[in-house]
N, C-alpha and C. Protein backbone atom coordinates (compact mmCIF):
# COMPACT_ATOMS: atom_id res chain seq x y z
N UNK A 1 -25.49 -89.55 64.29
CA UNK A 1 -24.77 -89.20 65.49
C UNK A 1 -23.45 -89.96 65.47
N UNK A 2 -22.38 -89.29 65.72
CA UNK A 2 -21.07 -89.93 65.68
C UNK A 2 -20.84 -90.77 66.93
N UNK A 3 -19.83 -91.62 66.86
CA UNK A 3 -19.49 -92.47 68.00
C UNK A 3 -19.11 -91.61 69.20
N UNK A 4 -18.42 -90.50 68.95
CA UNK A 4 -18.02 -89.60 70.04
C UNK A 4 -19.26 -88.97 70.67
N UNK A 5 -20.22 -88.53 69.83
CA UNK A 5 -21.44 -87.93 70.36
C UNK A 5 -22.24 -88.93 71.19
N UNK A 6 -22.34 -90.18 70.70
CA UNK A 6 -23.07 -91.21 71.44
C UNK A 6 -22.39 -91.48 72.78
N UNK A 7 -21.06 -91.54 72.77
CA UNK A 7 -20.32 -91.78 74.01
C UNK A 7 -20.50 -90.65 74.99
N UNK A 8 -20.49 -89.41 74.50
CA UNK A 8 -20.68 -88.24 75.35
C UNK A 8 -22.09 -88.23 75.94
N UNK A 9 -23.08 -88.58 75.13
CA UNK A 9 -24.46 -88.63 75.63
C UNK A 9 -24.59 -89.68 76.73
N UNK A 10 -23.98 -90.84 76.54
CA UNK A 10 -24.03 -91.90 77.56
C UNK A 10 -23.32 -91.46 78.83
N UNK A 11 -22.20 -90.77 78.70
CA UNK A 11 -21.46 -90.28 79.85
C UNK A 11 -22.29 -89.25 80.61
N UNK A 12 -22.94 -88.35 79.89
CA UNK A 12 -23.77 -87.33 80.55
C UNK A 12 -24.91 -87.98 81.32
N UNK A 13 -25.56 -89.00 80.71
CA UNK A 13 -26.64 -89.69 81.40
C UNK A 13 -26.10 -90.38 82.66
N UNK A 14 -24.93 -90.99 82.57
CA UNK A 14 -24.33 -91.66 83.72
C UNK A 14 -24.05 -90.65 84.84
N UNK A 15 -23.58 -89.47 84.49
CA UNK A 15 -23.31 -88.43 85.49
C UNK A 15 -24.60 -87.99 86.16
N UNK A 16 -25.67 -87.81 85.37
CA UNK A 16 -26.96 -87.43 85.92
C UNK A 16 -27.44 -88.49 86.92
N UNK A 17 -27.33 -89.76 86.54
CA UNK A 17 -27.77 -90.84 87.42
C UNK A 17 -26.92 -90.88 88.69
N UNK A 18 -25.61 -90.78 88.55
CA UNK A 18 -24.73 -90.85 89.71
C UNK A 18 -24.93 -89.68 90.66
N UNK A 19 -25.21 -88.51 90.12
CA UNK A 19 -25.42 -87.34 90.97
C UNK A 19 -26.83 -87.27 91.53
N UNK A 20 -27.71 -88.15 91.04
CA UNK A 20 -29.08 -88.14 91.55
C UNK A 20 -29.90 -86.99 91.01
N UNK A 21 -29.50 -86.43 89.87
CA UNK A 21 -30.26 -85.34 89.28
C UNK A 21 -31.53 -85.88 88.64
N UNK A 22 -32.57 -85.06 88.50
CA UNK A 22 -33.81 -85.55 87.89
C UNK A 22 -33.58 -86.04 86.47
N UNK A 23 -34.22 -87.13 86.13
CA UNK A 23 -34.17 -87.69 84.79
C UNK A 23 -35.56 -87.53 84.19
N UNK A 24 -35.66 -87.42 82.89
CA UNK A 24 -36.94 -87.23 82.22
C UNK A 24 -37.96 -88.26 82.67
N UNK A 25 -39.24 -87.86 82.72
CA UNK A 25 -40.31 -88.74 83.17
C UNK A 25 -40.35 -90.06 82.42
N UNK A 26 -40.08 -90.01 81.12
CA UNK A 26 -40.15 -91.23 80.33
C UNK A 26 -39.15 -92.27 80.84
N UNK A 27 -38.03 -91.81 81.41
CA UNK A 27 -37.06 -92.74 81.96
C UNK A 27 -37.44 -93.19 83.36
N UNK A 28 -38.05 -92.30 84.14
CA UNK A 28 -38.36 -92.61 85.53
C UNK A 28 -39.65 -93.42 85.69
N UNK A 29 -40.63 -93.22 84.82
CA UNK A 29 -41.90 -93.92 84.91
C UNK A 29 -42.02 -94.90 83.75
N UNK A 30 -41.89 -96.16 84.05
CA UNK A 30 -41.99 -97.20 83.03
C UNK A 30 -43.33 -97.13 82.33
N UNK A 31 -43.33 -97.11 81.00
CA UNK A 31 -44.56 -97.08 80.22
C UNK A 31 -45.10 -95.69 79.97
N UNK A 32 -44.41 -94.65 80.39
CA UNK A 32 -44.92 -93.28 80.26
C UNK A 32 -45.21 -92.89 78.81
N UNK A 33 -44.42 -93.40 77.88
CA UNK A 33 -44.61 -93.06 76.47
C UNK A 33 -45.25 -94.19 75.68
N UNK A 34 -45.88 -95.13 76.36
CA UNK A 34 -46.49 -96.29 75.70
C UNK A 34 -47.77 -95.93 74.98
N UNK A 35 -47.92 -96.47 73.80
CA UNK A 35 -49.17 -96.34 73.06
C UNK A 35 -50.18 -97.34 73.61
N UNK A 36 -51.47 -97.03 73.54
CA UNK A 36 -52.49 -97.97 74.01
C UNK A 36 -52.33 -99.32 73.33
N UNK A 37 -52.42 -100.37 74.12
CA UNK A 37 -52.32 -101.72 73.61
C UNK A 37 -50.90 -102.24 73.50
N UNK A 38 -49.90 -101.37 73.60
CA UNK A 38 -48.51 -101.83 73.50
C UNK A 38 -47.98 -102.34 74.83
N UNK A 39 -48.69 -102.02 75.91
CA UNK A 39 -48.36 -102.52 77.24
C UNK A 39 -49.66 -102.95 77.90
N UNK A 40 -49.56 -103.68 78.99
CA UNK A 40 -50.76 -104.11 79.71
C UNK A 40 -51.46 -102.90 80.34
N UNK A 41 -52.74 -103.08 80.66
CA UNK A 41 -53.48 -102.02 81.35
C UNK A 41 -52.81 -101.68 82.68
N UNK A 42 -52.27 -102.70 83.35
CA UNK A 42 -51.60 -102.47 84.63
C UNK A 42 -50.39 -101.56 84.46
N UNK A 43 -49.55 -101.83 83.46
CA UNK A 43 -48.38 -100.99 83.21
C UNK A 43 -48.83 -99.57 82.84
N UNK A 44 -49.85 -99.47 82.01
CA UNK A 44 -50.36 -98.16 81.59
C UNK A 44 -50.86 -97.35 82.80
N UNK A 45 -51.69 -97.98 83.64
CA UNK A 45 -52.23 -97.24 84.78
C UNK A 45 -51.17 -96.93 85.82
N UNK A 46 -50.21 -97.81 86.00
CA UNK A 46 -49.12 -97.53 86.95
C UNK A 46 -48.26 -96.37 86.43
N UNK A 47 -48.14 -96.23 85.11
CA UNK A 47 -47.41 -95.08 84.54
C UNK A 47 -48.17 -93.79 84.85
N UNK A 48 -49.49 -93.81 84.72
CA UNK A 48 -50.31 -92.64 85.07
C UNK A 48 -50.05 -92.27 86.53
N UNK A 49 -50.13 -93.26 87.39
CA UNK A 49 -49.92 -93.05 88.83
C UNK A 49 -48.52 -92.47 89.10
N UNK A 50 -47.51 -93.04 88.49
CA UNK A 50 -46.13 -92.58 88.67
C UNK A 50 -45.97 -91.13 88.20
N UNK A 51 -46.53 -90.82 87.04
CA UNK A 51 -46.41 -89.46 86.50
C UNK A 51 -47.13 -88.44 87.37
N UNK A 52 -48.30 -88.81 87.89
CA UNK A 52 -49.01 -87.90 88.81
C UNK A 52 -48.15 -87.67 90.05
N UNK A 53 -47.57 -88.73 90.59
CA UNK A 53 -46.73 -88.58 91.78
C UNK A 53 -45.47 -87.77 91.49
N UNK A 54 -44.92 -87.86 90.29
CA UNK A 54 -43.78 -87.01 89.92
C UNK A 54 -44.18 -85.54 89.94
N UNK A 55 -45.36 -85.24 89.41
CA UNK A 55 -45.84 -83.86 89.40
C UNK A 55 -46.03 -83.36 90.84
N UNK A 56 -46.59 -84.20 91.67
CA UNK A 56 -46.80 -83.82 93.07
C UNK A 56 -45.47 -83.60 93.79
N UNK A 57 -44.50 -84.49 93.54
CA UNK A 57 -43.18 -84.34 94.17
C UNK A 57 -42.54 -83.03 93.75
N UNK A 58 -42.70 -82.67 92.48
CA UNK A 58 -42.15 -81.41 91.99
C UNK A 58 -42.76 -80.19 92.65
N UNK A 59 -43.98 -80.36 93.17
CA UNK A 59 -44.67 -79.27 93.88
C UNK A 59 -44.51 -79.38 95.39
N UNK A 60 -43.69 -80.33 95.83
CA UNK A 60 -43.46 -80.50 97.26
C UNK A 60 -44.55 -81.25 97.99
N UNK A 61 -45.40 -81.97 97.26
CA UNK A 61 -46.49 -82.72 97.87
C UNK A 61 -46.10 -84.19 98.01
N UNK A 62 -46.72 -84.86 98.95
CA UNK A 62 -46.46 -86.27 99.15
C UNK A 62 -47.05 -87.13 98.05
N UNK A 63 -46.49 -88.31 97.88
CA UNK A 63 -46.97 -89.25 96.88
C UNK A 63 -48.32 -89.82 97.30
N UNK A 64 -49.14 -90.12 96.30
CA UNK A 64 -50.41 -90.78 96.52
C UNK A 64 -50.18 -92.28 96.52
N UNK A 65 -50.89 -93.00 97.36
CA UNK A 65 -50.80 -94.46 97.42
C UNK A 65 -51.87 -95.06 96.52
N UNK A 66 -51.53 -96.17 95.89
CA UNK A 66 -52.48 -96.87 95.02
C UNK A 66 -53.61 -97.46 95.86
N UNK A 67 -54.84 -97.29 95.37
CA UNK A 67 -55.99 -97.91 96.02
C UNK A 67 -56.73 -98.75 94.99
N UNK A 68 -56.78 -100.05 95.22
CA UNK A 68 -57.36 -100.97 94.24
C UNK A 68 -58.86 -100.75 94.07
N UNK A 69 -59.54 -100.31 95.12
CA UNK A 69 -60.99 -100.07 95.02
C UNK A 69 -61.27 -98.87 94.14
N UNK A 70 -60.51 -97.79 94.32
CA UNK A 70 -60.67 -96.62 93.46
C UNK A 70 -60.28 -96.94 92.03
N UNK A 71 -59.25 -97.77 91.88
CA UNK A 71 -58.81 -98.18 90.54
C UNK A 71 -59.90 -99.01 89.85
N UNK A 72 -60.55 -99.87 90.61
CA UNK A 72 -61.64 -100.67 90.06
C UNK A 72 -62.78 -99.76 89.59
N UNK A 73 -63.16 -98.79 90.41
CA UNK A 73 -64.22 -97.85 90.03
C UNK A 73 -63.82 -97.06 88.78
N UNK A 74 -62.58 -96.61 88.75
CA UNK A 74 -62.09 -95.82 87.61
C UNK A 74 -62.06 -96.65 86.32
N UNK A 75 -61.58 -97.88 86.43
CA UNK A 75 -61.52 -98.74 85.25
C UNK A 75 -62.90 -99.04 84.70
N UNK A 76 -63.83 -99.32 85.58
CA UNK A 76 -65.22 -99.59 85.15
C UNK A 76 -65.81 -98.36 84.46
N UNK A 77 -65.52 -97.18 85.00
CA UNK A 77 -66.08 -95.96 84.43
C UNK A 77 -65.46 -95.65 83.06
N UNK A 78 -64.15 -95.83 82.93
CA UNK A 78 -63.50 -95.63 81.64
C UNK A 78 -64.10 -96.56 80.59
N UNK A 79 -64.33 -97.81 80.98
CA UNK A 79 -64.93 -98.78 80.07
C UNK A 79 -66.34 -98.36 79.67
N UNK A 80 -67.10 -97.85 80.63
CA UNK A 80 -68.46 -97.37 80.33
C UNK A 80 -68.43 -96.20 79.34
N UNK A 81 -67.49 -95.27 79.53
CA UNK A 81 -67.42 -94.13 78.62
C UNK A 81 -67.13 -94.57 77.19
N UNK A 82 -66.24 -95.56 77.04
CA UNK A 82 -65.92 -96.05 75.70
C UNK A 82 -67.11 -96.82 75.12
N UNK A 83 -67.66 -97.73 75.89
CA UNK A 83 -68.75 -98.58 75.42
C UNK A 83 -70.00 -97.78 75.07
N UNK A 84 -70.34 -96.82 75.96
CA UNK A 84 -71.59 -96.06 75.78
C UNK A 84 -71.40 -94.74 75.01
N UNK A 85 -70.14 -94.46 74.66
CA UNK A 85 -69.80 -93.27 73.85
C UNK A 85 -70.26 -91.95 74.49
N UNK A 86 -69.85 -91.75 75.73
CA UNK A 86 -70.07 -90.46 76.40
C UNK A 86 -68.77 -90.08 77.09
N UNK A 87 -68.64 -88.80 77.39
CA UNK A 87 -67.45 -88.31 78.09
C UNK A 87 -67.90 -87.25 79.09
N UNK A 88 -68.09 -87.67 80.33
CA UNK A 88 -68.58 -86.78 81.39
C UNK A 88 -68.35 -87.47 82.73
N UNK A 89 -68.42 -86.69 83.79
CA UNK A 89 -68.25 -87.25 85.13
C UNK A 89 -69.51 -87.96 85.63
N UNK A 90 -70.64 -87.69 84.99
CA UNK A 90 -71.89 -88.36 85.33
C UNK A 90 -72.30 -89.17 84.10
N UNK A 91 -72.59 -90.44 84.31
CA UNK A 91 -72.96 -91.31 83.18
C UNK A 91 -74.36 -90.97 82.69
N UNK A 92 -74.70 -91.40 81.48
CA UNK A 92 -76.07 -91.17 80.99
C UNK A 92 -77.14 -91.76 81.91
N UNK A 93 -76.78 -92.84 82.64
CA UNK A 93 -77.73 -93.45 83.58
C UNK A 93 -77.78 -92.70 84.91
N UNK A 94 -76.87 -91.73 85.09
CA UNK A 94 -76.87 -90.93 86.31
C UNK A 94 -75.86 -91.35 87.37
N UNK A 95 -74.98 -92.30 87.08
CA UNK A 95 -74.01 -92.71 88.10
C UNK A 95 -73.01 -91.57 88.34
N UNK A 96 -72.66 -91.40 89.61
CA UNK A 96 -71.71 -90.36 90.01
C UNK A 96 -70.54 -91.01 90.75
N UNK A 97 -69.48 -90.26 90.91
CA UNK A 97 -68.28 -90.78 91.57
C UNK A 97 -68.57 -91.41 92.93
N UNK A 98 -69.31 -90.78 93.84
CA UNK A 98 -69.54 -91.43 95.14
C UNK A 98 -70.21 -92.80 95.02
N UNK A 99 -71.18 -92.92 94.15
CA UNK A 99 -71.86 -94.20 93.96
C UNK A 99 -70.96 -95.25 93.34
N UNK A 100 -70.15 -94.85 92.35
CA UNK A 100 -69.23 -95.79 91.69
C UNK A 100 -68.16 -96.26 92.67
N UNK A 101 -67.65 -95.34 93.48
CA UNK A 101 -66.62 -95.70 94.46
C UNK A 101 -67.19 -96.66 95.51
N UNK A 102 -68.39 -96.37 96.00
CA UNK A 102 -69.03 -97.24 96.99
C UNK A 102 -69.28 -98.63 96.41
N UNK A 103 -69.74 -98.69 95.15
CA UNK A 103 -70.00 -99.99 94.51
C UNK A 103 -68.72 -100.81 94.35
N UNK A 104 -67.58 -100.12 94.27
CA UNK A 104 -66.28 -100.80 94.15
C UNK A 104 -65.68 -101.14 95.51
N UNK A 105 -66.39 -100.79 96.60
CA UNK A 105 -65.92 -101.14 97.94
C UNK A 105 -65.19 -100.04 98.68
N UNK A 106 -65.11 -98.84 98.10
CA UNK A 106 -64.42 -97.74 98.78
C UNK A 106 -65.38 -97.09 99.77
N UNK A 107 -64.93 -96.94 101.02
CA UNK A 107 -65.79 -96.37 102.06
C UNK A 107 -65.24 -95.09 102.65
N UNK A 108 -64.16 -94.57 102.07
CA UNK A 108 -63.57 -93.34 102.57
C UNK A 108 -64.46 -92.14 102.32
N UNK A 109 -63.99 -90.99 102.75
CA UNK A 109 -64.79 -89.78 102.65
C UNK A 109 -64.57 -88.99 101.38
N UNK A 110 -63.63 -88.08 101.41
CA UNK A 110 -63.40 -87.15 100.32
C UNK A 110 -63.02 -87.87 99.02
N UNK A 111 -63.60 -87.42 97.90
CA UNK A 111 -63.31 -88.01 96.60
C UNK A 111 -63.06 -86.93 95.56
N UNK A 112 -62.28 -87.27 94.55
CA UNK A 112 -62.05 -86.41 93.40
C UNK A 112 -61.85 -87.28 92.17
N UNK A 113 -62.00 -86.68 91.00
CA UNK A 113 -61.88 -87.47 89.77
C UNK A 113 -61.38 -86.60 88.63
N UNK A 114 -60.53 -87.20 87.81
CA UNK A 114 -60.13 -86.60 86.54
C UNK A 114 -60.40 -87.62 85.45
N UNK A 115 -60.83 -87.14 84.29
CA UNK A 115 -61.04 -88.01 83.14
C UNK A 115 -60.32 -87.40 81.95
N UNK A 116 -59.92 -88.25 81.04
CA UNK A 116 -59.27 -87.77 79.83
C UNK A 116 -59.20 -88.88 78.80
N UNK A 117 -59.07 -88.49 77.54
CA UNK A 117 -58.84 -89.49 76.51
C UNK A 117 -58.01 -88.85 75.41
N UNK A 118 -57.30 -89.70 74.71
CA UNK A 118 -56.46 -89.23 73.62
C UNK A 118 -56.26 -90.33 72.61
N UNK A 119 -55.95 -89.93 71.39
CA UNK A 119 -55.66 -90.88 70.31
C UNK A 119 -54.28 -90.57 69.76
N UNK A 120 -53.63 -91.58 69.20
CA UNK A 120 -52.31 -91.40 68.60
C UNK A 120 -51.31 -90.92 69.64
N UNK A 121 -50.56 -89.88 69.30
CA UNK A 121 -49.53 -89.34 70.19
C UNK A 121 -50.12 -88.79 71.49
N UNK A 122 -51.40 -88.47 71.49
CA UNK A 122 -52.05 -87.92 72.70
C UNK A 122 -52.63 -89.01 73.60
N UNK A 123 -52.36 -90.28 73.26
CA UNK A 123 -52.92 -91.39 74.04
C UNK A 123 -51.93 -92.00 75.01
N UNK A 124 -50.72 -91.49 75.10
CA UNK A 124 -49.74 -92.04 76.04
C UNK A 124 -50.05 -91.55 77.46
N UNK A 125 -49.63 -92.29 78.48
CA UNK A 125 -49.81 -91.80 79.85
C UNK A 125 -49.21 -90.40 80.04
N UNK A 126 -48.03 -90.15 79.47
CA UNK A 126 -47.39 -88.84 79.62
C UNK A 126 -48.26 -87.74 79.01
N UNK A 127 -48.87 -88.00 77.85
CA UNK A 127 -49.71 -86.99 77.21
C UNK A 127 -50.99 -86.73 78.01
N UNK A 128 -51.57 -87.80 78.56
CA UNK A 128 -52.79 -87.64 79.37
C UNK A 128 -52.49 -86.80 80.62
N UNK A 129 -51.43 -87.13 81.33
CA UNK A 129 -51.09 -86.39 82.55
C UNK A 129 -50.71 -84.95 82.21
N UNK A 130 -49.99 -84.75 81.12
CA UNK A 130 -49.63 -83.39 80.69
C UNK A 130 -50.89 -82.57 80.42
N UNK A 131 -51.89 -83.17 79.75
CA UNK A 131 -53.15 -82.47 79.49
C UNK A 131 -53.85 -82.11 80.79
N UNK A 132 -53.86 -83.03 81.75
CA UNK A 132 -54.46 -82.73 83.05
C UNK A 132 -53.74 -81.57 83.73
N UNK A 133 -52.42 -81.58 83.67
CA UNK A 133 -51.65 -80.52 84.32
C UNK A 133 -51.88 -79.17 83.65
N UNK A 134 -52.19 -79.17 82.36
CA UNK A 134 -52.46 -77.93 81.63
C UNK A 134 -53.88 -77.43 81.81
N UNK A 135 -54.74 -78.21 82.44
CA UNK A 135 -56.14 -77.84 82.66
C UNK A 135 -56.31 -77.42 84.12
N UNK A 136 -56.64 -76.15 84.39
CA UNK A 136 -56.74 -75.71 85.79
C UNK A 136 -57.60 -76.58 86.70
N UNK A 137 -58.81 -77.01 86.29
CA UNK A 137 -59.59 -77.85 87.22
C UNK A 137 -58.94 -79.20 87.49
N UNK A 138 -58.36 -79.83 86.45
CA UNK A 138 -57.69 -81.12 86.64
C UNK A 138 -56.42 -80.95 87.48
N UNK A 139 -55.69 -79.90 87.19
CA UNK A 139 -54.46 -79.59 87.93
C UNK A 139 -54.77 -79.47 89.42
N UNK A 140 -55.86 -78.79 89.74
CA UNK A 140 -56.25 -78.59 91.14
C UNK A 140 -56.50 -79.93 91.84
N UNK A 141 -57.14 -80.87 91.14
CA UNK A 141 -57.40 -82.19 91.73
C UNK A 141 -56.09 -82.94 91.95
N UNK A 142 -55.25 -82.98 90.91
CA UNK A 142 -53.98 -83.71 91.01
C UNK A 142 -53.08 -83.16 92.10
N UNK A 143 -53.13 -81.85 92.31
CA UNK A 143 -52.22 -81.20 93.27
C UNK A 143 -52.85 -80.95 94.63
N UNK A 144 -54.03 -81.46 94.86
CA UNK A 144 -54.70 -81.25 96.14
C UNK A 144 -54.00 -82.03 97.25
N UNK A 145 -53.64 -81.33 98.30
CA UNK A 145 -53.04 -81.96 99.46
C UNK A 145 -54.05 -82.75 100.29
N UNK A 146 -55.33 -82.61 99.97
CA UNK A 146 -56.37 -83.33 100.71
C UNK A 146 -56.43 -84.80 100.32
N UNK A 147 -55.87 -85.14 99.16
CA UNK A 147 -55.92 -86.53 98.71
C UNK A 147 -54.66 -87.27 99.11
N UNK A 148 -54.83 -88.56 99.43
CA UNK A 148 -53.68 -89.41 99.75
C UNK A 148 -53.71 -90.73 98.99
N UNK A 149 -54.82 -90.97 98.26
CA UNK A 149 -54.99 -92.21 97.50
C UNK A 149 -55.29 -91.92 96.04
N UNK A 150 -54.85 -92.81 95.15
CA UNK A 150 -55.17 -92.70 93.73
C UNK A 150 -55.53 -94.07 93.20
N UNK A 151 -56.48 -94.07 92.28
CA UNK A 151 -56.87 -95.29 91.60
C UNK A 151 -57.14 -94.99 90.14
N UNK A 152 -56.12 -95.15 89.29
CA UNK A 152 -56.36 -94.92 87.86
C UNK A 152 -56.95 -96.16 87.18
N UNK A 153 -57.73 -95.92 86.13
CA UNK A 153 -58.29 -97.00 85.33
C UNK A 153 -58.32 -96.58 83.88
N UNK A 154 -58.02 -97.52 82.98
CA UNK A 154 -57.95 -97.22 81.56
C UNK A 154 -58.81 -98.19 80.77
N UNK A 155 -59.37 -97.69 79.68
CA UNK A 155 -60.06 -98.53 78.70
C UNK A 155 -59.46 -98.18 77.35
N UNK A 156 -59.15 -99.20 76.57
CA UNK A 156 -58.63 -98.94 75.24
C UNK A 156 -59.79 -98.54 74.33
N UNK A 157 -59.59 -97.46 73.59
CA UNK A 157 -60.64 -96.90 72.76
C UNK A 157 -61.02 -95.53 73.27
N UNK A 158 -61.97 -94.89 72.59
CA UNK A 158 -62.38 -93.55 73.00
C UNK A 158 -63.90 -93.41 72.97
N UNK A 159 -64.41 -92.41 73.66
CA UNK A 159 -65.85 -92.15 73.59
C UNK A 159 -66.29 -91.75 72.18
N UNK A 160 -65.35 -91.32 71.35
CA UNK A 160 -65.66 -90.93 69.98
C UNK A 160 -65.58 -92.12 69.02
N UNK A 161 -65.23 -93.30 69.53
CA UNK A 161 -65.15 -94.49 68.71
C UNK A 161 -63.85 -94.63 67.93
N UNK A 162 -62.83 -93.86 68.28
CA UNK A 162 -61.55 -93.91 67.58
C UNK A 162 -60.71 -95.08 68.07
N UNK A 163 -59.99 -95.71 67.16
CA UNK A 163 -59.03 -96.73 67.52
C UNK A 163 -57.71 -96.06 67.88
N UNK A 164 -56.77 -96.84 68.42
CA UNK A 164 -55.48 -96.29 68.80
C UNK A 164 -55.61 -95.23 69.88
N UNK A 165 -56.64 -95.39 70.71
CA UNK A 165 -56.94 -94.38 71.72
C UNK A 165 -57.01 -95.03 73.10
N UNK A 166 -56.97 -94.19 74.12
CA UNK A 166 -57.14 -94.63 75.50
C UNK A 166 -58.02 -93.62 76.22
N UNK A 167 -58.89 -94.14 77.06
CA UNK A 167 -59.74 -93.31 77.91
C UNK A 167 -59.33 -93.62 79.35
N UNK A 168 -59.01 -92.57 80.10
CA UNK A 168 -58.45 -92.74 81.44
C UNK A 168 -59.30 -91.98 82.46
N UNK A 169 -59.57 -92.66 83.55
CA UNK A 169 -60.19 -92.04 84.72
C UNK A 169 -59.21 -92.23 85.87
N UNK A 170 -59.00 -91.20 86.65
CA UNK A 170 -58.22 -91.32 87.88
C UNK A 170 -59.11 -90.85 89.02
N UNK A 171 -59.38 -91.75 89.96
CA UNK A 171 -60.17 -91.42 91.14
C UNK A 171 -59.22 -91.21 92.32
N UNK A 172 -59.54 -90.23 93.14
CA UNK A 172 -58.69 -89.83 94.27
C UNK A 172 -59.51 -89.90 95.55
N UNK A 173 -58.87 -90.33 96.63
CA UNK A 173 -59.52 -90.41 97.92
C UNK A 173 -58.71 -89.72 99.00
N UNK A 174 -59.42 -89.23 99.99
CA UNK A 174 -58.77 -88.50 101.08
C UNK A 174 -58.76 -89.29 102.36
């Protein structure tokens, strides 16, 4: 890339920022393109949360607020899926979202959940959220106006035992 091209690219980005035009998700959500283990779990899960809220904003929906209790339930469940090598909304022992949320201290009513995992290029927060948006059932949960809370949780690794992977659960409350 020539010096002129680099300067023009920087000028265009400056104009976009000054005019308040949308900027790519990777720029707006810190950690969106992070590989598992390259950032803290907190940065990774906050990127998931930010990307979900960007999708909702694009659809005219309000942002979801972080809920630490739902995040605790989600993180524990992601860890269980990796450790016990299963991938489902119900654990092999029979735990379900309402029970996991209650055990984490959540006492609200309506609940929803999305799960996903990816390895390599498919393990970034942006790739996980993109996969959810491309899946009609997951898309419906993410875009539901009935939810106002989100609690994402991540475990490094996969239910298939692959390295360089992340398993993500996002729990939603109404």
